[in-house]
Amino acid sequence: MRFYATDIKYLTMKSLLFILSIIGLSILGDPASKVVWDKVEHDFGVLEHKKHAFATFVLTNVSDDSIKIDNIRTACGCTSPIWNNDYVMPGDTSHIVIEYDSEDKGEFYKQIKVYIHKQRKPEKLLIYGDVLP
């Protein structure tokens, strides 16, 4: 198989268009977040071993449409989310409760990803603390 100058020019142009489209998508990014949180981190401080602890995160819908939490993913089985599956109207609030089971000793940092309907990137929350023996 032989390559001619026109083939190389075609491949170069195709590669350039591909690179420009990737750059364009990254510049456009995701639409702005549809929610505002009262906090995005919660410090449990020092916890007793094998005790359950709870953190509440309050969200406010700042979009023009109603929103709904599609899913919440936690870092491991020691963290459990509790949330209402109802729609949140513009300007209204809802909350998420995160339960942490302090089975493991030592410091912990756990990320929680909250997936909002029609929002591409998840909202990220963080809980942390120290479990003493």
C-alpha atoms as a PDB file:
ATOM      1  CA  MET A   1       0.000   0.000   0.000  1.00  0.00           C
ATOM      2  CA  ARG A   2       1.362   3.389  -1.000  1.00  0.00           C
ATOM      3  CA  PHE A   3       0.595   6.701   0.581  1.00  0.00           C
ATOM      4  CA  TYR A   4       0.447   9.790  -1.556  1.00  0.00           C
ATOM      5  CA  ALA A   5       0.790  13.404  -0.518  1.00  0.00           C
ATOM      6  CA  THR A   6      -2.989  13.862  -0.801  1.00  0.00           C
ATOM      7  CA  ASP A   7      -3.561  10.927   1.586  1.00  0.00           C
ATOM      8  CA  ILE A   8      -1.248  12.463   4.179  1.00  0.00           C
ATOM      9  CA  LYS A   9      -2.930  15.863   3.776  1.00  0.00           C
ATOM     10  CA  TYR A  10      -6.357  14.189   4.257  1.00  0.00           C
ATOM     11  CA  LEU A  11      -5.185  12.339   7.378  1.00  0.00           C
ATOM     12  CA  THR A  12      -3.621  15.492   8.795  1.00  0.00           C
ATOM     13  CA  MET A  13      -6.809  17.493   8.195  1.00  0.00           C
ATOM     14  CA  LYS A  14      -8.925  14.730   9.754  1.00  0.00           C
ATOM     15  CA  SER A  15      -6.650  14.618  12.817  1.00  0.00           C
ATOM     16  CA  LEU A  16      -6.782  18.391  13.147  1.00  0.00           C
ATOM     17  CA  LEU A  17     -10.602  18.400  13.032  1.00  0.00           C
ATOM     18  CA  PHE A  18     -10.721  15.668  15.672  1.00  0.00           C
ATOM     19  CA  ILE A  19      -8.377  17.585  18.000  1.00  0.00           C
ATOM     20  CA  LEU A  20     -10.330  20.829  17.523  1.00  0.00           C
ATOM     21  CA  SER A  21     -13.621  19.097  18.311  1.00  0.00           C
ATOM     22  CA  ILE A  22     -12.161  17.674  21.551  1.00  0.00           C
ATOM     23  CA  ILE A  23     -10.874  21.123  22.540  1.00  0.00           C
ATOM     24  CA  GLY A  24     -14.255  22.661  21.708  1.00  0.00           C
ATOM     25  CA  LEU A  25     -16.087  20.174  23.910  1.00  0.00           C
ATOM     26  CA  SER A  26     -13.724  20.785  26.816  1.00  0.00           C
ATOM     27  CA  ILE A  27     -14.112  24.563  26.513  1.00  0.00           C
ATOM     28  CA  LEU A  28     -17.901  24.350  26.453  1.00  0.00           C
ATOM     29  CA  GLY A  29     -17.849  22.108  29.502  1.00  0.00           C
ATOM     30  CA  ASP A  30     -20.913  21.248  31.496  1.00  0.00           C
ATOM     31  CA  PRO A  31     -23.693  23.618  32.264  1.00  0.00           C
ATOM     32  CA  ALA A  32     -23.495  25.305  35.640  1.00  0.00           C
ATOM     33  CA  SER A  33     -24.509  23.360  38.689  1.00  0.00           C
ATOM     34  CA  LYS A  34     -28.243  23.256  39.335  1.00  0.00           C
ATOM     35  CA  VAL A  35     -27.847  23.202  43.104  1.00  0.00           C
ATOM     36  CA  VAL A  36     -26.152  25.119  45.902  1.00  0.00           C
ATOM     37  CA  TRP A  37     -25.137  23.232  49.043  1.00  0.00           C
ATOM     38  CA  ASP A  38     -25.143  24.512  52.610  1.00  0.00           C
ATOM     39  CA  LYS A  39     -21.766  22.730  52.857  1.00  0.00           C
ATOM     40  CA  VAL A  40     -19.796  20.270  50.722  1.00  0.00           C
ATOM     41  CA  GLU A  41     -17.670  18.806  53.528  1.00  0.00           C
ATOM     42  CA  HIS A  42     -18.469  17.396  56.936  1.00  0.00           C
ATOM     43  CA  ASP A  43     -15.891  16.756  59.644  1.00  0.00           C
ATOM     44  CA  PHE A  44     -17.090  14.080  62.070  1.00  0.00           C
ATOM     45  CA  GLY A  45     -14.116  14.765  64.302  1.00  0.00           C
ATOM     46  CA  VAL A  46     -13.309  11.806  66.561  1.00  0.00           C
ATOM     47  CA  LEU A  47     -15.716   8.854  66.443  1.00  0.00           C
ATOM     48  CA  GLU A  48     -16.001   5.800  68.639  1.00  0.00           C
ATOM     49  CA  HIS A  49     -15.223   2.468  67.041  1.00  0.00           C
ATOM     50  CA  LYS A  50     -18.279   0.557  65.698  1.00  0.00           C
ATOM     51  CA  LYS A  51     -20.671   3.502  66.108  1.00  0.00           C
ATOM     52  CA  HIS A  52     -22.860   5.015  63.413  1.00  0.00           C
ATOM     53  CA  ALA A  53     -22.590   8.726  62.651  1.00  0.00           C
ATOM     54  CA  PHE A  54     -24.780  10.916  60.449  1.00  0.00           C
ATOM     55  CA  ALA A  55     -24.160  14.038  58.373  1.00  0.00           C
ATOM     56  CA  THR A  56     -26.857  16.108  56.692  1.00  0.00           C
ATOM     57  CA  PHE A  57     -26.233  18.093  53.512  1.00  0.00           C
ATOM     58  CA  VAL A  58     -28.903  20.598  52.434  1.00  0.00           C
ATOM     59  CA  LEU A  59     -29.251  21.489  48.751  1.00  0.00           C
ATOM     60  CA  THR A  60     -31.140  24.374  47.159  1.00  0.00           C
ATOM     61  CA  ASN A  61     -32.400  24.200  43.577  1.00  0.00           C
ATOM     62  CA  VAL A  62     -31.014  27.316  41.844  1.00  0.00           C
ATOM     63  CA  SER A  63     -32.130  26.321  38.343  1.00  0.00           C
ATOM     64  CA  ASP A  64     -35.274  27.385  36.494  1.00  0.00           C
ATOM     65  CA  ASP A  65     -36.589  23.812  36.348  1.00  0.00           C
ATOM     66  CA  SER A  66     -37.477  21.185  38.891  1.00  0.00           C
ATOM     67  CA  ILE A  67     -34.649  18.778  39.660  1.00  0.00           C
ATOM     68  CA  LYS A  68     -34.387  15.270  41.020  1.00  0.00           C
ATOM     69  CA  ILE A  69     -31.533  13.285  42.503  1.00  0.00           C
ATOM     70  CA  ASP A  70     -31.079  10.318  40.175  1.00  0.00           C
ATOM     71  CA  ASN A  71     -28.484   8.474  42.222  1.00  0.00           C
ATOM     72  CA  ILE A  72     -25.911   8.818  44.977  1.00  0.00           C
ATOM     73  CA  ARG A  73     -22.701   6.812  44.913  1.00  0.00           C
ATOM     74  CA  THR A  74     -20.494   6.372  47.923  1.00  0.00           C
ATOM     75  CA  ALA A  75     -16.853   5.368  48.191  1.00  0.00           C
ATOM     76  CA  CYS A  76     -17.482   2.101  50.032  1.00  0.00           C
ATOM     77  CA  GLY A  77     -19.982   0.001  51.951  1.00  0.00           C
ATOM     78  CA  CYS A  78     -19.261   1.883  55.181  1.00  0.00           C
ATOM     79  CA  THR A  79     -21.087   4.925  53.812  1.00  0.00           C
ATOM     80  CA  SER A  80     -24.832   4.898  53.077  1.00  0.00           C
ATOM     81  CA  PRO A  81     -26.901   7.713  51.567  1.00  0.00           C
ATOM     82  CA  ILE A  82     -30.502   8.474  52.472  1.00  0.00           C
ATOM     83  CA  TRP A  83     -32.434  10.871  50.231  1.00  0.00           C
ATOM     84  CA  ASN A  84     -35.898  11.794  49.041  1.00  0.00           C
ATOM     85  CA  ASN A  85     -36.693  10.731  45.483  1.00  0.00           C
ATOM     86  CA  ASP A  86     -39.167  13.608  44.899  1.00  0.00           C
ATOM     87  CA  TYR A  87     -38.627  16.538  42.562  1.00  0.00           C
ATOM     88  CA  VAL A  88     -37.257  19.752  44.069  1.00  0.00           C
ATOM     89  CA  MET A  89     -38.923  22.857  42.646  1.00  0.00           C
ATOM     90  CA  PRO A  90     -36.892  25.997  41.768  1.00  0.00           C
ATOM     91  CA  GLY A  91     -35.888  27.824  44.944  1.00  0.00           C
ATOM     92  CA  ASP A  92     -36.866  24.908  47.196  1.00  0.00           C
ATOM     93  CA  THR A  93     -34.549  22.823  49.348  1.00  0.00           C
ATOM     94  CA  SER A  94     -34.052  19.148  50.060  1.00  0.00           C
ATOM     95  CA  HIS A  95     -31.501  17.222  52.054  1.00  0.00           C
ATOM     96  CA  ILE A  96     -29.277  14.174  51.930  1.00  0.00           C
ATOM     97  CA  VAL A  97     -28.271  12.220  55.009  1.00  0.00           C
ATOM     98  CA  ILE A  98     -25.006  10.287  54.884  1.00  0.00           C
ATOM     99  CA  GLU A  99     -24.562   7.495  57.406  1.00  0.00           C
ATOM    100  CA  TYR A 100     -21.017   6.421  58.253  1.00  0.00           C
ATOM    101  CA  ASP A 101     -20.359   3.077  59.964  1.00  0.00           C
ATOM    102  CA  SER A 102     -17.109   3.420  61.907  1.00  0.00           C
ATOM    103  CA  GLU A 103     -16.071  -0.227  61.621  1.00  0.00           C
ATOM    104  CA  ASP A 104     -12.485   0.570  60.550  1.00  0.00           C
ATOM    105  CA  LYS A 105     -10.112   2.380  62.901  1.00  0.00           C
ATOM    106  CA  GLY A 106      -8.051   5.386  61.911  1.00  0.00           C
ATOM    107  CA  GLU A 107      -8.560   8.434  59.722  1.00  0.00           C
ATOM    108  CA  PHE A 108     -11.062   8.291  56.880  1.00  0.00           C
ATOM    109  CA  TYR A 109     -11.901  10.480  53.886  1.00  0.00           C
ATOM    110  CA  LYS A 110     -14.933   9.431  51.846  1.00  0.00           C
ATOM    111  CA  GLN A 111     -16.241  11.087  48.707  1.00  0.00           C
ATOM    112  CA  ILE A 112     -19.930  10.998  47.843  1.00  0.00           C
ATOM    113  CA  LYS A 113     -21.115  11.666  44.282  1.00  0.00           C
ATOM    114  CA  VAL A 114     -24.635  13.034  43.847  1.00  0.00           C
ATOM    115  CA  TYR A 115     -26.112  12.638  40.361  1.00  0.00           C
ATOM    116  CA  ILE A 116     -28.713  15.295  39.516  1.00  0.00           C
ATOM    117  CA  HIS A 117     -31.171  14.658  36.671  1.00  0.00           C
ATOM    118  CA  LYS A 118     -29.983  16.293  33.397  1.00  0.00           C
ATOM    119  CA  GLN A 119     -26.671  17.400  34.912  1.00  0.00           C
ATOM    120  CA  ARG A 120     -23.694  15.666  33.344  1.00  0.00           C
ATOM    121  CA  LYS A 121     -21.165  15.883  36.159  1.00  0.00           C
ATOM    122  CA  PRO A 122     -22.006  14.714  39.653  1.00  0.00           C
ATOM    123  CA  GLU A 123     -21.934  16.985  42.661  1.00  0.00           C
ATOM    124  CA  LYS A 124     -19.146  15.917  45.041  1.00  0.00           C
ATOM    125  CA  LEU A 125     -19.425  15.862  48.817  1.00  0.00           C
ATOM    126  CA  LEU A 126     -16.796  14.805  51.355  1.00  0.00           C
ATOM    127  CA  ILE A 127     -16.954  13.345  54.839  1.00  0.00           C
ATOM    128  CA  TYR A 128     -13.944  12.738  57.045  1.00  0.00           C
ATOM    129  CA  GLY A 129     -12.896  12.043  60.592  1.00  0.00           C
ATOM    130  CA  ASP A 130     -10.916   9.758  62.870  1.00  0.00           C
ATOM    131  CA  VAL A 131     -12.114   6.500  64.432  1.00  0.00           C
ATOM    132  CA  LEU A 132     -10.473   5.663  67.733  1.00  0.00           C
ATOM    133  CA  PRO A 133     -10.207   2.148  69.170  1.00  0.00           C
END
